Structures are given as C-alpha cells and as structure tokens.
Amino acid sequence: MTVYQAFSVAIAEPALAAGRFVAPFSLGRMTWIKPSFLWMMYRCGWSTKPGQERTLAVDIPVDAFFGALRRSSLSHFEADVHGSRADWEQAMASAPVRVQWDPERDLLFRPLPHRSIQVGLSGEVAADYAHEWIVAIRDVTEQAHALGRLVAAARLDEAADQLPVERPLPLPADLRLRLGAGA
C-alpha cells in the first residue's frame, strides 16, 4: 500500500537517495503517515508549505500497516471504544501509534462526508517504518505541483483524471472495533 508524507528538501533528498529514512529524519518525534493523497495535499498545500516542499509516496506492506494499527490508540476519547476516559488515557500512554480520523478532502480541499485515517508512528514502530517496512519511496512533488496548477486554473476534471488511484482498504474486524470504525 502507499502512504504519503511531506518533508523539507533536507529530509526528502537523503531518504530518496537511501531508499529509506535516514538523518536528518528524526526518530525522536512522531511521524505521521497518510494513505490519502488528497488529504496529504490538503495538509501540505500541493507541496508548497514551508518544511513540506517535497511529497513522498512510500510503499509499505499492508501487514506492517495493520500491525501498527494493532499497537495504536485513538488520539481522542470515544466512549464506544474506550469505555472510560481513564482507559483511553492508559491506552494513549502505552501505545506507540496514534490514529485520528479526519474528513477526507476533495480537489478544492472541501471536507467530504467520509473520513480518512492519519497514523502517527513513534518509538520502535517509527524505527521499523523508517528502516524495515519501506518497499519503495517515490517523489511525487511534481505531480502535486501540476495538480495544484490544474485546480487553480479550475480544470478540475483534468486534475481528477490525474489523481493516484486509491481504493478503500477493508480493516479486519478487530481493527474496526479498536479504531472506532464500526463493526
């Protein structure tokens, strides 16, 4: 599967050269991966925001992604998932992975009625991601810039035709429950 991240040139260039994340990429902070290209574009402004000038598409095994989700906690309290705030706080304290659900975005960055997952990796899970999971890293910055130009020119149909193909990834039942994604 493909996840997206936006970085400064100083982080992206060494990662592309090495085929994995290396210094100055920091394992000391949470790194957020996003399976939605349009949500990543919303976040990085078509790869134009300072510190997010390069967008990388990172291919990782689905099993590794599911494994990370099994070590996660939602970034917010959900009574149906956690039972109590104390249980949620305990889960947050012990989980190296955070999950949040945000409205998916359209080409104009308007919220859509369905949600997109953002996954924050820290500790050993971030290290596994950076050094072991990566099958391939591609620079999709030019694609982001080109799509941003098409959107700015109100050529939305043409932009839509050039988006990466994405399909919903069905979650196993245990993860749907853990992540508040329904039964």
Protein backbone atom coordinates (compact mmCIF):
# COMPACT_ATOMS: atom_id res chain seq x y z
CA MET A 1 0.00 0.00 0.00
CA THR A 2 1.07 3.61 -0.44
CA VAL A 3 1.23 6.24 2.29
CA TYR A 4 2.23 9.86 1.87
CA GLN A 5 4.39 12.27 3.82
CA ALA A 6 5.59 15.80 3.11
CA PHE A 7 9.04 16.93 4.21
CA SER A 8 11.63 19.60 3.76
CA VAL A 9 14.19 19.09 1.00
CA ALA A 10 16.79 18.36 3.71
CA ILE A 11 14.85 15.26 4.83
CA ALA A 12 13.42 14.14 1.47
CA GLU A 13 16.66 14.10 -0.55
CA PRO A 14 18.61 11.74 1.76
CA ALA A 15 15.55 9.47 2.08
CA LEU A 16 15.18 9.23 -1.69
CA ALA A 17 18.90 8.54 -2.12
CA ALA A 18 18.95 5.84 0.58
CA GLY A 19 15.57 4.29 -0.22
CA ARG A 20 14.64 4.63 3.46
CA PHE A 21 14.55 7.35 6.08
CA VAL A 22 17.96 8.44 7.32
CA ALA A 23 19.32 11.51 9.10
CA PRO A 24 18.20 14.21 9.40
CA PHE A 25 14.87 12.32 9.65
CA SER A 26 14.26 12.10 13.39
CA LEU A 27 13.04 9.04 15.23
CA GLY A 28 12.67 11.21 18.32
CA ARG A 29 9.32 12.60 17.25
CA MET A 30 6.09 11.13 15.95
CA THR A 31 5.94 10.80 12.17
CA TRP A 32 2.50 10.89 10.55
CA ILE A 33 1.63 8.78 7.52
CA LYS A 34 -1.43 9.37 5.39
CA PRO A 35 -2.88 6.82 2.94
CA SER A 36 -4.92 9.55 1.22
CA PHE A 37 -3.15 11.61 -1.44
CA LEU A 38 -5.75 14.40 -1.32
CA TRP A 39 -5.60 14.61 2.47
CA MET A 40 -1.82 14.93 2.17
CA MET A 41 -2.28 17.68 -0.42
CA TYR A 42 -4.70 19.47 1.90
CA ARG A 43 -2.10 19.27 4.67
CA CYS A 44 0.91 20.40 2.58
CA GLY A 45 -0.85 22.78 0.18
CA TRP A 46 0.14 20.93 -3.01
CA SER A 47 3.73 20.66 -1.64
CA THR A 48 4.13 24.41 -1.18
CA LYS A 49 4.04 24.93 2.60
CA PRO A 50 7.36 25.69 4.32
CA GLY A 51 9.00 22.49 5.54
CA GLN A 52 6.65 20.43 3.35
CA GLU A 53 8.02 21.27 -0.08
CA ARG A 54 8.59 17.64 -1.07
CA THR A 55 5.90 14.98 -1.01
CA LEU A 56 6.97 11.36 -0.89
CA ALA A 57 4.88 8.30 -1.73
CA VAL A 58 6.09 5.45 0.45
CA ASP A 59 5.12 1.86 -0.38
CA ILE A 60 4.84 -0.39 2.67
CA PRO A 61 3.40 -3.87 3.27
CA VAL A 62 -0.28 -3.91 4.28
CA ASP A 63 0.57 -6.37 7.07
CA ALA A 64 3.03 -3.85 8.58
CA PHE A 65 0.35 -1.15 8.45
CA PHE A 66 -2.18 -3.43 10.16
CA GLY A 67 0.47 -4.38 12.73
CA ALA A 68 1.00 -0.71 13.56
CA LEU A 69 -2.75 -0.19 13.89
CA ARG A 70 -2.89 -3.09 16.36
CA ARG A 71 -0.44 -1.11 18.55
CA SER A 72 -2.42 2.11 18.30
CA SER A 73 -4.68 4.28 20.35
CA LEU A 74 -7.15 6.80 19.03
CA SER A 75 -5.92 10.35 19.51
CA HIS A 76 -9.27 11.30 21.03
CA PHE A 77 -11.65 9.71 23.53
CA GLU A 78 -14.50 7.60 22.12
CA ALA A 79 -16.86 6.16 24.75
CA ASP A 80 -17.88 3.25 22.47
CA VAL A 81 -14.23 2.26 22.02
CA HIS A 82 -12.61 3.03 25.37
CA GLY A 83 -15.38 2.75 27.94
CA SER A 84 -13.88 5.42 30.20
CA ARG A 85 -11.53 8.38 29.91
CA ALA A 86 -9.15 6.60 32.29
CA ASP A 87 -9.00 3.57 29.96
CA TRP A 88 -8.32 5.87 27.00
CA GLU A 89 -5.58 7.74 28.88
CA GLN A 90 -3.95 4.41 29.78
CA ALA A 91 -4.15 3.26 26.16
CA MET A 92 -2.62 6.54 24.97
CA ALA A 93 0.24 6.28 27.46
CA SER A 94 1.23 2.80 26.33
CA ALA A 95 0.59 2.92 22.56
CA PRO A 96 3.45 3.89 20.22
CA VAL A 97 0.94 4.61 17.44
CA ARG A 98 -1.80 7.26 17.27
CA VAL A 99 -4.79 7.19 14.96
CA GLN A 100 -7.05 10.04 14.06
CA TRP A 101 -9.90 10.19 11.61
CA ASP A 102 -10.36 13.43 9.70
CA PRO A 103 -12.80 14.38 6.94
CA GLU A 104 -11.47 13.34 3.55
CA ARG A 105 -10.99 16.24 1.14
CA ASP A 106 -11.93 16.94 -2.45
CA LEU A 107 -9.77 18.73 -5.01
CA LEU A 108 -10.79 22.10 -3.57
CA PHE A 109 -9.95 20.83 -0.06
CA ARG A 110 -13.59 20.91 0.98
CA PRO A 111 -14.46 18.26 3.58
CA LEU A 112 -16.23 15.17 2.29
CA PRO A 113 -18.78 13.14 4.30
CA HIS A 114 -16.36 10.23 4.83
CA ARG A 115 -13.20 10.11 6.89
CA SER A 116 -9.56 9.48 6.13
CA ILE A 117 -7.13 7.88 8.56
CA GLN A 118 -3.93 9.57 9.72
CA VAL A 119 -1.45 7.37 11.57
CA GLY A 120 1.26 8.70 13.86
CA LEU A 121 4.22 6.40 14.47
CA SER A 122 6.68 6.74 17.34
CA GLY A 123 9.34 4.69 19.11
CA GLU A 124 10.16 1.27 17.74
CA VAL A 125 7.24 1.38 15.30
CA ALA A 126 8.63 4.55 13.71
CA ALA A 127 12.06 2.89 13.54
CA ASP A 128 10.56 -0.19 11.87
CA TYR A 129 8.77 2.05 9.36
CA ALA A 130 11.87 4.11 8.58
CA HIS A 131 14.30 1.20 8.27
CA GLU A 132 12.44 -2.05 7.59
CA TRP A 133 9.00 -1.59 6.05
CA ILE A 134 9.81 0.53 3.04
CA VAL A 135 9.42 -1.27 -0.26
CA ALA A 136 9.89 1.91 -2.33
CA ILE A 137 9.96 5.69 -1.97
CA ARG A 138 8.92 7.95 -4.83
CA ASP A 139 9.00 11.71 -5.10
CA VAL A 140 5.53 12.89 -6.16
CA THR A 141 6.23 16.60 -5.68
CA GLU A 142 5.96 17.47 -9.37
CA GLN A 143 2.66 15.60 -9.59
CA ALA A 144 1.43 17.61 -6.58
CA HIS A 145 2.52 20.90 -8.17
CA ALA A 146 0.92 20.00 -11.52
CA LEU A 147 -2.36 19.05 -9.86
CA GLY A 148 -2.31 22.24 -7.81
CA ARG A 149 -1.90 24.27 -11.01
CA LEU A 150 -4.82 22.45 -12.64
CA VAL A 151 -7.03 23.08 -9.62
CA ALA A 152 -6.01 26.76 -9.52
CA ALA A 153 -6.98 27.01 -13.21
CA ALA A 154 -10.39 25.41 -12.41
CA ARG A 155 -9.53 22.39 -14.58
CA LEU A 156 -10.98 20.00 -12.01
CA ASP A 157 -11.96 17.18 -14.38
CA GLU A 158 -8.44 17.06 -15.78
CA ALA A 159 -6.99 17.13 -12.26
CA ALA A 160 -9.30 14.34 -11.12
CA ASP A 161 -8.14 12.17 -14.03
CA GLN A 162 -4.53 12.55 -12.87
CA LEU A 163 -5.04 11.64 -9.20
CA PRO A 164 -3.45 8.42 -7.98
CA VAL A 165 -5.87 5.50 -7.95
CA GLU A 166 -6.91 4.77 -4.36
CA ARG A 167 -9.26 2.11 -3.07
CA PRO A 168 -10.66 1.71 0.43
CA LEU A 169 -8.63 -0.75 2.48
CA PRO A 170 -11.01 -3.03 4.40
CA LEU A 171 -9.98 -3.29 8.03
CA PRO A 172 -10.08 -6.63 9.87
CA ALA A 173 -12.88 -6.82 12.46
CA ASP A 174 -10.53 -6.40 15.44
CA LEU A 175 -9.15 -3.17 13.98
CA ARG A 176 -12.58 -1.76 13.10
CA LEU A 177 -13.55 -2.10 16.76
CA ARG A 178 -10.20 -0.78 18.09
CA LEU A 179 -10.28 2.25 15.80
CA GLY A 180 -13.94 3.15 16.16
CA ALA A 181 -14.61 2.33 12.52
CA GLY A 182 -17.79 0.33 13.17
CA ALA A 183 -18.41 -3.38 13.31
